[in-house]
Amino acid sequence: MRLCHFNSTDPLEERASGLFWQKRVGLDGKEFWMAKLRTMRPDVDEYGAPPSGPSDPRVLGGLGSWLRRSSLDEIPQIYNVLRGEMTLVGPRPEMPHLVASYEPWQRRRLRVIPGVTGLWQILGRKNLPLQSNLEYDFYYIQNQSFLLDLVILVRTVPVVIFGKGAF
């Protein structure tokens, strides 16, 4: 199984690879293909419900569970950072069908480049209600700074190591 292949003109052709591509929405509502390591079976609906936990039958065994728990499945997003579609720190990019139903006040999230990690990721992730995600994103947008980015990056390390709030 190949782990990485960027030559295809259509990311959907990559279904059998170790990479998973999903359309996301970035700065100013521009759509892009976000890369992740594949942790779920290729036949799973890529826009369906996220896995419920490590024993979810859609997750690819122990390695898939470990990659999700540690968030190392996000590493290929460095490719998106290098392309300027994402930054290391910022609100997570959303799927187009979710952005389509945004209220006008929620569209403020599209004023910044999305990030690989952010406040929601370091403060509890899926252990927090979705409303907290929005509140943390808006706090970040209003208080963006080099120091805040540095704090978030440093606090991301133990979250990755210990898998806090993953799945």
Protein backbone atom coordinates (compact mmCIF):
# COMPACT_ATOMS: atom_id res chain seq x y z
CA MET A 1 0.00 0.00 0.00
CA ARG A 2 1.43 3.37 -0.92
CA LEU A 3 1.50 5.94 1.82
CA CYS A 4 1.69 9.12 -0.17
CA HIS A 5 1.01 10.11 -3.76
CA PHE A 6 0.44 13.67 -4.93
CA ASN A 7 0.50 13.18 -8.71
CA SER A 8 -3.20 12.58 -9.24
CA THR A 9 -5.24 15.43 -10.61
CA ASP A 10 -8.30 14.12 -8.81
CA PRO A 11 -7.91 13.45 -5.06
CA LEU A 12 -10.88 11.08 -5.23
CA GLU A 13 -8.64 8.67 -7.18
CA GLU A 14 -6.59 8.30 -4.00
CA ARG A 15 -9.22 6.14 -2.25
CA ALA A 16 -6.91 3.12 -2.12
CA SER A 17 -3.88 5.02 -0.82
CA GLY A 18 -2.78 5.77 2.71
CA LEU A 19 -3.97 9.33 2.20
CA PHE A 20 -7.51 10.55 2.56
CA TRP A 21 -8.60 13.76 0.83
CA GLN A 22 -11.63 15.72 1.89
CA LYS A 23 -13.03 18.97 0.52
CA ARG A 24 -12.92 21.74 3.14
CA VAL A 25 -13.61 25.46 3.22
CA GLY A 26 -10.85 27.94 3.96
CA LEU A 27 -10.18 31.67 3.86
CA ASP A 28 -12.97 33.72 2.29
CA GLY A 29 -15.02 30.56 1.64
CA LYS A 30 -12.55 29.11 -0.86
CA GLU A 31 -12.74 25.31 -1.09
CA PHE A 32 -9.62 23.14 -1.06
CA TRP A 33 -8.69 19.47 -0.67
CA MET A 34 -7.40 18.74 2.85
CA ALA A 35 -5.07 15.76 3.33
CA LYS A 36 -5.15 13.27 6.20
CA LEU A 37 -3.74 9.82 6.79
CA ARG A 38 -6.44 7.25 6.15
CA THR A 39 -7.78 5.87 9.43
CA MET A 40 -11.14 4.60 8.23
CA ARG A 41 -12.09 1.99 5.64
CA PRO A 42 -12.11 3.41 2.07
CA ASP A 43 -15.80 2.51 1.60
CA VAL A 44 -16.94 4.78 4.46
CA ASP A 45 -18.90 7.94 3.58
CA GLU A 46 -16.27 10.66 3.87
CA TYR A 47 -18.89 13.24 4.90
CA GLY A 48 -20.74 10.95 7.29
CA ALA A 49 -20.68 10.90 11.07
CA PRO A 50 -17.20 10.89 12.62
CA PRO A 51 -16.07 7.69 14.35
CA SER A 52 -17.56 7.22 17.80
CA GLY A 53 -14.41 5.76 19.33
CA PRO A 54 -11.54 3.31 18.89
CA SER A 55 -13.91 0.32 18.65
CA ASP A 56 -15.95 1.88 15.81
CA PRO A 57 -15.95 -0.82 13.07
CA ARG A 58 -15.24 1.81 10.40
CA VAL A 59 -11.78 2.53 11.90
CA LEU A 60 -8.85 0.63 10.38
CA GLY A 61 -7.70 -1.49 13.33
CA GLY A 62 -5.21 -0.60 16.02
CA LEU A 63 -3.04 1.62 13.83
CA GLY A 64 -6.03 3.68 12.69
CA SER A 65 -7.18 4.08 16.29
CA TRP A 66 -3.71 5.12 17.43
CA LEU A 67 -3.33 7.63 14.57
CA ARG A 68 -6.70 9.22 15.41
CA ARG A 69 -6.10 9.22 19.16
CA SER A 70 -2.69 10.90 18.73
CA SER A 71 -3.94 13.19 15.92
CA LEU A 72 -0.98 12.07 13.83
CA ASP A 73 -3.47 11.44 11.03
CA GLU A 74 -3.36 15.24 10.60
CA ILE A 75 0.37 15.32 9.64
CA PRO A 76 -0.28 15.41 5.86
CA GLN A 77 -1.93 18.79 6.39
CA ILE A 78 1.60 20.19 6.37
CA TYR A 79 1.13 19.87 2.59
CA ASN A 80 -1.87 22.21 2.88
CA VAL A 81 0.20 24.60 5.03
CA LEU A 82 2.96 24.66 2.39
CA ARG A 83 0.33 25.43 -0.28
CA GLY A 84 -0.98 28.36 1.79
CA GLU A 85 -4.42 26.78 2.27
CA MET A 86 -3.88 26.28 6.01
CA THR A 87 -1.65 27.55 8.80
CA LEU A 88 -0.31 25.65 11.78
CA VAL A 89 -2.69 27.47 14.18
CA GLY A 90 -6.23 28.64 13.51
CA PRO A 91 -9.84 27.47 13.45
CA ARG A 92 -10.26 24.05 11.85
CA PRO A 93 -11.56 24.10 8.27
CA GLU A 94 -15.15 22.93 7.95
CA MET A 95 -16.82 20.75 5.35
CA PRO A 96 -18.73 22.65 2.62
CA HIS A 97 -22.15 21.30 3.61
CA LEU A 98 -21.68 22.69 7.13
CA VAL A 99 -20.51 26.10 5.89
CA ALA A 100 -23.53 26.26 3.56
CA SER A 101 -25.78 26.30 6.63
CA TYR A 102 -23.75 28.93 8.54
CA GLU A 103 -25.62 31.86 10.01
CA PRO A 104 -24.10 35.24 9.03
CA TRP A 105 -22.34 35.58 12.41
CA GLN A 106 -20.66 32.17 11.94
CA ARG A 107 -19.11 33.27 8.64
CA ARG A 108 -16.54 35.23 10.66
CA ARG A 109 -14.63 31.95 10.86
CA LEU A 110 -13.92 32.30 7.14
CA ARG A 111 -12.01 35.57 7.64
CA VAL A 112 -8.86 33.74 8.70
CA ILE A 113 -6.80 30.92 7.22
CA PRO A 114 -7.80 27.66 8.91
CA GLY A 115 -5.26 25.80 11.01
CA VAL A 116 -4.02 22.32 11.82
CA THR A 117 -4.42 22.98 15.55
CA GLY A 118 -6.21 25.58 17.63
CA LEU A 119 -7.73 26.42 20.99
CA TRP A 120 -10.51 23.84 20.73
CA GLN A 121 -7.95 21.09 20.06
CA ILE A 122 -5.85 21.90 23.13
CA LEU A 123 -8.73 22.61 25.52
CA GLY A 124 -10.67 19.38 25.22
CA ARG A 125 -11.68 18.69 21.61
CA LYS A 126 -14.54 16.24 21.47
CA ASN A 127 -14.98 16.37 25.25
CA LEU A 128 -16.42 19.86 24.72
CA PRO A 129 -19.78 20.89 23.27
CA LEU A 130 -19.76 22.18 19.69
CA GLN A 131 -20.71 25.66 20.92
CA SER A 132 -17.34 25.81 22.74
CA ASN A 133 -15.61 25.18 19.42
CA LEU A 134 -17.19 28.33 17.97
CA GLU A 135 -16.46 30.39 21.08
CA TYR A 136 -12.79 29.35 21.05
CA ASP A 137 -12.53 30.06 17.32
CA PHE A 138 -13.95 33.57 17.75
CA TYR A 139 -11.68 34.21 20.74
CA TYR A 140 -8.69 33.17 18.62
CA ILE A 141 -9.78 35.35 15.67
CA GLN A 142 -10.11 38.41 17.94
CA ASN A 143 -6.85 37.78 19.82
CA GLN A 144 -4.52 36.39 17.15
CA SER A 145 -0.87 36.95 17.97
CA PHE A 146 2.50 35.28 17.67
CA LEU A 147 2.48 34.60 21.43
CA LEU A 148 -0.97 32.98 21.34
CA ASP A 149 0.10 30.82 18.37
CA LEU A 150 3.24 29.79 20.27
CA VAL A 151 1.23 28.85 23.38
CA ILE A 152 -1.20 26.79 21.28
CA LEU A 153 1.65 25.00 19.46
CA VAL A 154 3.43 24.16 22.74
CA ARG A 155 0.21 22.92 24.36
CA THR A 156 -0.59 20.82 21.29
CA VAL A 157 2.39 18.54 22.00
CA PRO A 158 0.99 16.89 25.19
CA VAL A 159 -2.46 16.67 23.59
CA VAL A 160 -0.92 14.66 20.74
CA ILE A 161 1.21 12.52 23.07
CA PHE A 162 -1.63 11.66 25.46
CA GLY A 163 -4.54 11.76 22.98
CA LYS A 164 -6.61 14.04 25.22
CA GLY A 165 -10.16 14.44 23.91
CA ALA A 166 -9.47 12.42 20.78
CA PHE A 167 -12.04 10.54 18.72
